[in-house]
Every structure is written in structure tokens, then in C-alpha cells.
C-alpha atoms as a PDB file:
ATOM      1  CA  LYS A   1     187.751 -46.297 -48.996  1.00  0.00           C
ATOM      2  CA  PRO A   2     190.003 -47.044 -45.502  1.00  0.00           C
ATOM      3  CA  LYS A   3     187.720 -47.072 -42.448  1.00  0.00           C
ATOM      4  CA  GLY A   4     188.534 -46.071 -39.192  1.00  0.00           C
ATOM      5  CA  GLY A   5     188.236 -48.355 -36.188  1.00  0.00           C
ATOM      6  CA  ILE A   6     185.009 -47.270 -34.877  1.00  0.00           C
ATOM      7  CA  SER A   7     183.368 -47.663 -38.177  1.00  0.00           C
ATOM      8  CA  ILE A   8     184.831 -51.074 -38.699  1.00  0.00           C
ATOM      9  CA  VAL A   9     183.422 -51.765 -35.322  1.00  0.00           C
ATOM     10  CA  LEU A  10     179.822 -50.558 -36.266  1.00  0.00           C
ATOM     11  CA  SER A  11     179.657 -52.421 -39.279  1.00  0.00           C
ATOM     12  CA  MET A  12     180.881 -55.878 -37.960  1.00  0.00           C
ATOM     13  CA  ALA A  13     178.131 -54.961 -35.530  1.00  0.00           C
ATOM     14  CA  GLU A  14     175.332 -54.662 -38.158  1.00  0.00           C
ATOM     15  CA  LEU A  15     176.636 -57.973 -39.758  1.00  0.00           C
ATOM     16  CA  VAL A  16     176.715 -59.478 -36.874  1.00  0.00           C
ATOM     17  CA  TYR A  17     172.944 -58.250 -36.033  1.00  0.00           C
ATOM     18  CA  HIS A  18     171.518 -59.511 -39.496  1.00  0.00           C
ATOM     19  CA  SER A  19     173.185 -62.940 -39.248  1.00  0.00           C
ATOM     20  CA  ILE A  20     171.650 -63.579 -35.877  1.00  0.00           C
ATOM     21  CA  VAL A  21     168.197 -62.484 -37.116  1.00  0.00           C
ATOM     22  CA  ARG A  22     169.490 -65.162 -40.159  1.00  0.00           C
ATOM     23  CA  SER A  23     170.223 -67.787 -37.513  1.00  0.00           C
ATOM     24  CA  VAL A  24     167.229 -66.928 -35.302  1.00  0.00           C
ATOM     25  CA  ARG A  25     164.800 -67.498 -38.327  1.00  0.00           C
ATOM     26  CA  LYS A  26     166.764 -70.589 -39.677  1.00  0.00           C
ATOM     27  CA  GLN A  27     164.294 -72.857 -37.449  1.00  0.00           C
ATOM     28  CA  HIS A  28     161.140 -71.207 -39.543  1.00  0.00           C
ATOM     29  CA  ASN A  29     160.135 -68.495 -42.115  1.00  0.00           C
ATOM     30  CA  ASN A  30     158.276 -66.804 -39.012  1.00  0.00           C
ATOM     31  CA  ALA A  31     160.956 -65.747 -36.304  1.00  0.00           C
ATOM     32  CA  PHE A  32     157.842 -65.722 -34.165  1.00  0.00           C
ATOM     33  CA  VAL A  33     157.210 -69.434 -34.488  1.00  0.00           C
ATOM     34  CA  ALA A  34     161.061 -70.112 -34.694  1.00  0.00           C
ATOM     35  CA  ILE A  35     161.169 -68.778 -30.755  1.00  0.00           C
ATOM     36  CA  ALA A  36     157.535 -70.669 -29.890  1.00  0.00           C
ATOM     37  CA  ILE A  37     159.159 -73.837 -30.968  1.00  0.00           C
ATOM     38  CA  ASN A  38     162.228 -73.399 -28.389  1.00  0.00           C
ATOM     39  CA  VAL A  39     159.481 -72.044 -25.595  1.00  0.00           C
ATOM     40  CA  MET A  40     157.443 -75.446 -26.040  1.00  0.00           C
ATOM     41  CA  GLN A  41     160.705 -77.149 -26.022  1.00  0.00           C
ATOM     42  CA  THR A  42     161.512 -75.876 -22.478  1.00  0.00           C
ATOM     43  CA  VAL A  43     158.219 -76.260 -21.306  1.00  0.00           C
ATOM     44  CA  MET A  44     158.067 -79.899 -22.478  1.00  0.00           C
ATOM     45  CA  PHE A  45     161.612 -80.500 -20.511  1.00  0.00           C
ATOM     46  CA  VAL A  46     160.006 -78.888 -17.438  1.00  0.00           C
ATOM     47  CA  ALA A  47     156.808 -80.996 -17.560  1.00  0.00           C
ATOM     48  CA  ALA A  48     158.580 -84.338 -18.408  1.00  0.00           C
ATOM     49  CA  PHE A  49     161.152 -83.436 -15.370  1.00  0.00           C
ATOM     50  CA  TYR A  50     157.992 -82.790 -12.978  1.00  0.00           C
ATOM     51  CA  LEU A  51     156.306 -85.718 -13.667  1.00  0.00           C
ATOM     52  CA  MET A  52     159.487 -87.712 -13.187  1.00  0.00           C
ATOM     53  CA  PHE A  53     159.910 -85.982 -10.149  1.00  0.00           C
ATOM     54  CA  THR A  54     156.276 -86.640  -8.858  1.00  0.00           C
ATOM     55  CA  ILE A  55     155.974 -90.295  -9.872  1.00  0.00           C
ATOM     56  CA  LEU A  56     159.430 -91.606  -8.241  1.00  0.00           C
ATOM     57  CA  GLY A  57     158.343 -89.629  -4.829  1.00  0.00           C
ATOM     58  CA  VAL A  58     161.821 -87.335  -4.912  1.00  0.00           C
ATOM     59  CA  ARG A  59     160.182 -84.093  -4.412  1.00  0.00           C
ATOM     60  CA  GLY A  60     160.970 -84.046  -0.939  1.00  0.00           C
ATOM     61  CA  ALA A  61     164.875 -84.018  -1.555  1.00  0.00           C
ATOM     62  CA  ALA A  62     164.686 -81.127  -3.291  1.00  0.00           C
ATOM     63  CA  ILE A  63     165.620 -77.606  -1.595  1.00  0.00           C
ATOM     64  CA  ARG A  64     163.084 -76.272   0.650  1.00  0.00           C
ATOM     65  CA  GLY A  65     161.258 -73.675  -1.851  1.00  0.00           C
ATOM     66  CA  ASP A  66     159.177 -73.486  -5.127  1.00  0.00           C
ATOM     67  CA  PHE A  67     159.827 -77.011  -6.635  1.00  0.00           C
ATOM     68  CA  LEU A  68     159.212 -75.870 -10.238  1.00  0.00           C
ATOM     69  CA  ILE A  69     161.971 -73.022  -9.803  1.00  0.00           C
ATOM     70  CA  TYR A  70     164.125 -75.749  -8.849  1.00  0.00           C
ATOM     71  CA  ILE A  71     163.346 -77.996 -11.944  1.00  0.00           C
ATOM     72  CA  MET A  72     163.801 -74.943 -14.023  1.00  0.00           C
ATOM     73  CA  SER A  73     167.338 -73.687 -12.643  1.00  0.00           C
ATOM     74  CA  GLY A  74     168.198 -77.046 -13.997  1.00  0.00           C
ATOM     75  CA  ILE A  75     166.811 -77.252 -17.229  1.00  0.00           C
ATOM     76  CA  PHE A  76     167.340 -73.708 -18.295  1.00  0.00           C
ATOM     77  CA  LEU A  77     171.044 -73.690 -18.062  1.00  0.00           C
ATOM     78  CA  TYR A  78     171.320 -77.158 -19.347  1.00  0.00           C
ATOM     79  CA  LEU A  79     169.267 -75.988 -22.669  1.00  0.00           C
ATOM     80  CA  THR A  80     171.383 -73.012 -22.611  1.00  0.00           C
ATOM     81  CA  HIS A  81     174.985 -74.878 -22.295  1.00  0.00           C
ATOM     82  CA  ILE A  82     173.563 -77.525 -24.823  1.00  0.00           C
ATOM     83  CA  LYS A  83     171.899 -74.889 -27.484  1.00  0.00           C
ATOM     84  CA  SER A  84     175.032 -72.695 -27.530  1.00  0.00           C
ATOM     85  CA  ILE A  85     177.251 -76.005 -28.215  1.00  0.00           C
ATOM     86  CA  GLY A  86     175.121 -76.877 -31.139  1.00  0.00           C
ATOM     87  CA  ALA A  87     175.305 -73.038 -32.325  1.00  0.00           C
ATOM     88  CA  VAL A  88     178.763 -72.764 -32.462  1.00  0.00           C
ATOM     89  CA  MET A  89     179.519 -76.035 -33.788  1.00  0.00           C
ATOM     90  CA  GLY A  90     177.137 -75.562 -36.633  1.00  0.00           C
ATOM     91  CA  ALA A  91     178.521 -72.155 -37.599  1.00  0.00           C
ATOM     92  CA  GLU A  92     179.092 -72.022 -41.354  1.00  0.00           C
ATOM     93  CA  GLY A  93     182.773 -72.304 -42.379  1.00  0.00           C
ATOM     94  CA  PRO A  94     185.001 -70.883 -44.662  1.00  0.00           C
ATOM     95  CA  ALA A  95     183.257 -73.043 -47.681  1.00  0.00           C
ATOM     96  CA  SER A  96     179.796 -71.949 -46.881  1.00  0.00           C
ATOM     97  CA  PRO A  97     177.766 -70.065 -49.702  1.00  0.00           C
ATOM     98  CA  MET A  98     177.480 -67.158 -47.038  1.00  0.00           C
ATOM     99  CA  MET A  99     181.290 -66.465 -47.079  1.00  0.00           C
ATOM    100  CA  GLN A 100     180.779 -65.502 -51.207  1.00  0.00           C
ATOM    101  CA  HIS A 101     179.458 -62.145 -49.524  1.00  0.00           C
ATOM    102  CA  ALA A 102     182.313 -59.980 -49.603  1.00  0.00           C
ATOM    103  CA  PRO A 103     182.066 -58.713 -45.987  1.00  0.00           C
ATOM    104  CA  MET A 104     180.849 -62.038 -44.405  1.00  0.00           C
ATOM    105  CA  ASN A 105     183.748 -63.872 -42.495  1.00  0.00           C
ATOM    106  CA  THR A 106     183.741 -66.865 -40.382  1.00  0.00           C
ATOM    107  CA  ILE A 107     184.180 -64.778 -36.842  1.00  0.00           C
ATOM    108  CA  ILE A 108     181.058 -63.121 -37.396  1.00  0.00           C
ATOM    109  CA  ALA A 109     179.587 -66.371 -38.476  1.00  0.00           C
ATOM    110  CA  ILE A 110     180.428 -68.047 -35.022  1.00  0.00           C
ATOM    111  CA  LEU A 111     179.448 -64.680 -33.186  1.00  0.00           C
ATOM    112  CA  SER A 112     175.964 -64.740 -34.592  1.00  0.00           C
ATOM    113  CA  GLY A 113     175.386 -68.352 -33.887  1.00  0.00           C
ATOM    114  CA  ALA A 114     176.200 -67.951 -29.914  1.00  0.00           C
ATOM    115  CA  LEU A 115     174.098 -64.828 -29.867  1.00  0.00           C
ATOM    116  CA  GLY A 116     171.589 -65.851 -31.555  1.00  0.00           C
ATOM    117  CA  ALA A 117     171.387 -68.934 -28.967  1.00  0.00           C
ATOM    118  CA  LEU A 118     171.599 -66.651 -25.900  1.00  0.00           C
ATOM    119  CA  TYR A 119     168.840 -64.146 -27.158  1.00  0.00           C
ATOM    120  CA  VAL A 120     166.419 -67.234 -27.907  1.00  0.00           C
ATOM    121  CA  GLN A 121     167.384 -69.108 -24.227  1.00  0.00           C
ATOM    122  CA  VAL A 122     166.677 -65.540 -22.709  1.00  0.00           C
ATOM    123  CA  LEU A 123     163.562 -64.693 -24.100  1.00  0.00           C
ATOM    124  CA  SER A 124     162.187 -68.386 -23.767  1.00  0.00           C
ATOM    125  CA  LEU A 125     163.297 -67.989 -20.135  1.00  0.00           C
ATOM    126  CA  PHE A 126     161.751 -64.661 -19.431  1.00  0.00           C
ATOM    127  CA  LEU A 127     158.588 -65.880 -21.161  1.00  0.00           C
ATOM    128  CA  VAL A 128     157.925 -69.412 -19.353  1.00  0.00           C
ATOM    129  CA  LEU A 129     158.914 -67.258 -16.048  1.00  0.00           C
ATOM    130  CA  PHE A 130     156.536 -64.793 -16.863  1.00  0.00           C
ATOM    131  CA  ALA A 131     153.729 -67.438 -17.788  1.00  0.00           C
ATOM    132  CA  TYR A 132     154.385 -69.332 -14.605  1.00  0.00           C
ATOM    133  CA  HIS A 133     154.287 -66.210 -12.372  1.00  0.00           C
ATOM    134  CA  VAL A 134     150.965 -64.873 -13.947  1.00  0.00           C
ATOM    135  CA  ALA A 135     149.238 -68.242 -13.814  1.00  0.00           C
ATOM    136  CA  TRP A 136     150.751 -70.442 -11.260  1.00  0.00           C
ATOM    137  CA  SER A 137     152.484 -68.574  -8.328  1.00  0.00           C
ATOM    138  CA  PRO A 138     154.827 -65.626  -7.882  1.00  0.00           C
ATOM    139  CA  VAL A 139     158.366 -66.178  -8.849  1.00  0.00           C
ATOM    140  CA  ASN A 140     160.734 -65.003  -5.815  1.00  0.00           C
ATOM    141  CA  ILE A 141     164.418 -65.440  -6.932  1.00  0.00           C
ATOM    142  CA  ASP A 142     166.757 -64.567  -3.829  1.00  0.00           C
ATOM    143  CA  GLN A 143     169.562 -63.105  -6.288  1.00  0.00           C
ATOM    144  CA  PRO A 144     168.100 -62.530  -9.554  1.00  0.00           C
ATOM    145  CA  VAL A 145     171.332 -60.931 -11.181  1.00  0.00           C
ATOM    146  CA  ASN A 146     173.702 -63.576  -9.946  1.00  0.00           C
ATOM    147  CA  ALA A 147     171.540 -66.213 -11.034  1.00  0.00           C
ATOM    148  CA  PHE A 148     171.073 -64.869 -14.523  1.00  0.00           C
ATOM    149  CA  LEU A 149     175.009 -64.456 -14.585  1.00  0.00           C
ATOM    150  CA  MET A 150     175.308 -68.458 -13.967  1.00  0.00           C
ATOM    151  CA  VAL A 151     172.959 -68.852 -17.396  1.00  0.00           C
ATOM    152  CA  VAL A 152     175.495 -66.317 -19.273  1.00  0.00           C
ATOM    153  CA  MET A 153     177.802 -68.669 -17.647  1.00  0.00           C
ATOM    154  CA  ALA A 154     176.481 -71.681 -19.072  1.00  0.00           C
ATOM    155  CA  TRP A 155     176.253 -70.244 -22.550  1.00  0.00           C
ATOM    156  CA  PHE A 156     179.932 -68.930 -22.198  1.00  0.00           C
ATOM    157  CA  THR A 157     181.062 -72.665 -21.295  1.00  0.00           C
ATOM    158  CA  GLY A 158     178.707 -74.082 -23.920  1.00  0.00           C
ATOM    159  CA  CYS A 159     180.516 -71.476 -26.936  1.00  0.00           C
ATOM    160  CA  SER A 160     183.658 -72.384 -25.784  1.00  0.00           C
ATOM    161  CA  LEU A 161     183.542 -76.021 -25.689  1.00  0.00           C
ATOM    162  CA  GLY A 162     181.606 -75.800 -29.157  1.00  0.00           C
ATOM    163  CA  LEU A 163     184.635 -73.845 -30.709  1.00  0.00           C
ATOM    164  CA  VAL A 164     186.987 -76.885 -29.660  1.00  0.00           C
ATOM    165  CA  PHE A 165     184.556 -79.298 -31.745  1.00  0.00           C
ATOM    166  CA  LEU A 166     184.524 -76.749 -34.610  1.00  0.00           C
ATOM    167  CA  ALA A 167     188.003 -76.440 -34.731  1.00  0.00           C
ATOM    168  CA  LEU A 168     188.480 -80.248 -34.587  1.00  0.00           C
ATOM    169  CA  LYS A 169     185.677 -81.088 -37.086  1.00  0.00           C
ATOM    170  CA  PRO A 170     187.614 -80.333 -40.216  1.00  0.00           C
ATOM    171  CA  TRP A 171     190.364 -82.936 -39.345  1.00  0.00           C
ATOM    172  CA  PHE A 172     188.240 -85.634 -37.289  1.00  0.00           C
ATOM    173  CA  PRO A 173     184.159 -84.862 -38.490  1.00  0.00           C
ATOM    174  CA  ALA A 174     182.800 -88.362 -37.702  1.00  0.00           C
ATOM    175  CA  PHE A 175     184.737 -88.303 -34.033  1.00  0.00           C
ATOM    176  CA  VAL A 176     183.775 -84.905 -32.982  1.00  0.00           C
ATOM    177  CA  ALA A 177     179.764 -85.387 -34.400  1.00  0.00           C
ATOM    178  CA  ILE A 178     179.969 -88.536 -31.607  1.00  0.00           C
ATOM    179  CA  VAL A 179     181.930 -86.887 -28.978  1.00  0.00           C
ATOM    180  CA  SER A 180     179.562 -83.952 -29.249  1.00  0.00           C
ATOM    181  CA  GLN A 181     176.334 -86.188 -28.660  1.00  0.00           C
ATOM    182  CA  LEU A 182     177.984 -88.131 -25.931  1.00  0.00           C
ATOM    183  CA  TYR A 183     178.794 -84.781 -24.121  1.00  0.00           C
ATOM    184  CA  GLN A 184     175.089 -83.742 -24.551  1.00  0.00           C
ATOM    185  CA  ARG A 185     173.620 -87.132 -23.771  1.00  0.00           C
ATOM    186  CA  ALA A 186     176.083 -87.488 -20.902  1.00  0.00           C
ATOM    187  CA  ASN A 187     174.922 -83.974 -19.465  1.00  0.00           C
ATOM    188  CA  MET A 188     171.338 -85.224 -18.955  1.00  0.00           C
ATOM    189  CA  LEU A 189     172.847 -86.737 -15.637  1.00  0.00           C
ATOM    190  CA  ALA A 190     175.923 -85.237 -15.311  1.00  0.00           C
ATOM    191  CA  SER A 191     174.922 -81.137 -15.411  1.00  0.00           C
ATOM    192  CA  GLY A 192     173.120 -82.399 -11.813  1.00  0.00           C
ATOM    193  CA  LYS A 193     170.085 -80.940 -12.689  1.00  0.00           C
ATOM    194  CA  MET A 194     168.171 -83.804 -10.869  1.00  0.00           C
ATOM    195  CA  PHE A 195     170.097 -83.283  -7.611  1.00  0.00           C
ATOM    196  CA  VAL A 196     172.148 -81.034  -5.540  1.00  0.00           C
ATOM    197  CA  ALA A 197     175.638 -81.021  -5.099  1.00  0.00           C
ATOM    198  CA  ASN A 198     175.238 -80.546  -0.930  1.00  0.00           C
ATOM    199  CA  THR A 199     173.290 -83.776  -1.043  1.00  0.00           C
ATOM    200  CA  LEU A 200     176.002 -86.274  -2.556  1.00  0.00           C
ATOM    201  CA  PRO A 201     178.930 -88.108  -0.962  1.00  0.00           C
ATOM    202  CA  SER A 202     182.481 -87.230  -1.810  1.00  0.00           C
ATOM    203  CA  PHE A 203     182.942 -90.269  -4.143  1.00  0.00           C
ATOM    204  CA  MET A 204     180.047 -89.325  -6.131  1.00  0.00           C
ATOM    205  CA  LEU A 205     181.256 -85.232  -6.199  1.00  0.00           C
ATOM    206  CA  ALA A 206     184.337 -86.332  -8.074  1.00  0.00           C
ATOM    207  CA  MET A 207     182.120 -87.978 -10.976  1.00  0.00           C
ATOM    208  CA  PHE A 208     180.648 -84.267 -11.423  1.00  0.00           C
ATOM    209  CA  ASP A 209     183.718 -81.877 -10.595  1.00  0.00           C
ATOM    210  CA  TRP A 210     184.896 -81.862 -13.943  1.00  0.00           C
ATOM    211  CA  ASN A 211     181.552 -80.155 -15.527  1.00  0.00           C
ATOM    212  CA  PRO A 212     181.488 -76.569 -15.807  1.00  0.00           C
ATOM    213  CA  LEU A 213     177.612 -76.801 -15.915  1.00  0.00           C
ATOM    214  CA  PHE A 214     177.350 -78.547 -12.845  1.00  0.00           C
ATOM    215  CA  HIS A 215     179.048 -76.038 -10.965  1.00  0.00           C
ATOM    216  CA  ALA A 216     177.055 -73.212 -12.770  1.00  0.00           C
ATOM    217  CA  ILE A 217     173.845 -75.212 -12.140  1.00  0.00           C
ATOM    218  CA  ASP A 218     174.453 -75.668  -8.162  1.00  0.00           C
ATOM    219  CA  GLN A 219     175.678 -71.887  -7.987  1.00  0.00           C
ATOM    220  CA  ALA A 220     172.700 -70.657  -9.559  1.00  0.00           C
ATOM    221  CA  ARG A 221     170.135 -72.833  -7.052  1.00  0.00           C
ATOM    222  CA  GLY A 222     172.130 -71.182  -4.213  1.00  0.00           C
ATOM    223  CA  PHE A 223     171.594 -67.868  -5.916  1.00  0.00           C
ATOM    224  CA  ALA A 224     167.716 -68.642  -6.833  1.00  0.00           C
ATOM    225  CA  PHE A 225     167.071 -70.470  -2.921  1.00  0.00           C
ATOM    226  CA  ILE A 226     167.569 -68.499   0.359  1.00  0.00           C
ATOM    227  CA  ASN A 227     167.874 -71.363   1.816  1.00  0.00           C
ATOM    228  CA  TYR A 228     170.333 -73.128  -0.108  1.00  0.00           C
ATOM    229  CA  ASN A 229     173.999 -72.878   0.320  1.00  0.00           C
ATOM    230  CA  PRO A 230     176.356 -74.582  -2.294  1.00  0.00           C
ATOM    231  CA  ARG A 231     179.565 -75.791  -0.677  1.00  0.00           C
ATOM    232  CA  TYR A 232     181.019 -78.250  -3.002  1.00  0.00           C
ATOM    233  CA  SER A 233     180.682 -75.932  -6.097  1.00  0.00           C
ATOM    234  CA  ASN A 234     182.217 -72.758  -7.273  1.00  0.00           C
ATOM    235  CA  TRP A 235     181.606 -70.457 -10.503  1.00  0.00           C
ATOM    236  CA  GLU A 236     185.596 -69.629 -10.622  1.00  0.00           C
END
């Protein structure tokens, strides 16, 4: 029978919810294990960068404040951005067996992939910060709401780029796969998670200024640390 606007929205929200659960559990049958895998990946990234910075002896070049928060502010946003690109790019298309179920469509598949990635990343972020707060030292973030909004910004720009790749994939599948991999690898450096924009000379800033993730990470550090004021980036 014909449905009203509110009932359509509610039924679509329910479909998105069940699709999110399915996308989160895709890595493992147990949802807790699927989330634990992501948390461990985040911890491994943080540990690797901490060791690298310590061995290279560049800890003094970082922002005055908690060094691990400095590292995590870059890694959390980088992982959120990259995972959201992968989730939207890997969303099920019209030829997927899931589309044989009557109420399912590609919009729901894309939405559930994007929101599922955000859910897992935000949960991982809070779990890692909570563990660090309890086990090491108290977490002190100057403007936590604004810093979290930069995480959302990194997710949103990742979803936007993932949508562009998803739209191009039917025409140039091999090219899109190469370019997306190249973009993800390039962002290991181009995201600016290993340095801050205020310390870069102008000729180097031009190399990173195109990247929305670079701006999001630099602004997040401005909100996280009371004594860092980003001058060469803006979230707008």
C-alpha cells in the first residue's frame, strides 16, 4: 500500500541500520572481534609512529604538549579518511546479490558503508583514548567538540572522494583501483600527520595545500592543543 513520507524515512532508516550491522560484521562473524581488529590496527599505527619519531629523534619538533596525543590526532583522522574511502568505494552496486531483496538499493548500500566506517572509527577512537587515559596519563584536549568535528570532516571528505571513485569504477575499473591505492599511499605523507603546517616553508605548503585531510589534521591539532594556533590551514 502507498506510504507516507515519515514511514518511508523510518523504513529506510531501519534498512540502513541493518545494512550497517552487516557491513561492520563483514570482517568477522563476531561484531566484537571485527571492532577489536580495527582497534588493534589503530594501536599498531600509533606504536609504529611513536617508535619512528623516537628513533629519528624528532620528538622535540612536535607541538608542546602530550606527544602521543599529537601522533593520535594525525592517525585517527588519516584512518577515518582512508577507511571511509574504502567503505564507499566497496559499497555494493546494482549487480550485487543483495539488490535482489526488494527494499534494498544502492543509496542504502553507500550510506551503510559510510556510516559503518564512521561508527567503527569513532568507537576505536574512544576506546584507545580511554585506555590511554586510564593506563598512561590523563587525556586533556583543549576544544574536544571542535576536534571531534574535524574527525567528522575527515570522514565526510573521504566519503565524497569515495563516491567519485565509485562513480568512475564501472568505466575505468583498473585505473580507479590504481589511483585510489596511489591516493591512500600518498596520504601517508601528504596528510601532514608527521609534521605541522606552521613549521613548513611556503614552497612546501604548496605541495600539501590541495589536500583536505592536511587541513583537517592541522585544524584538529589547533583544537586539541592550547598552545598551537594553525595559521596556514582552514577547515572551510
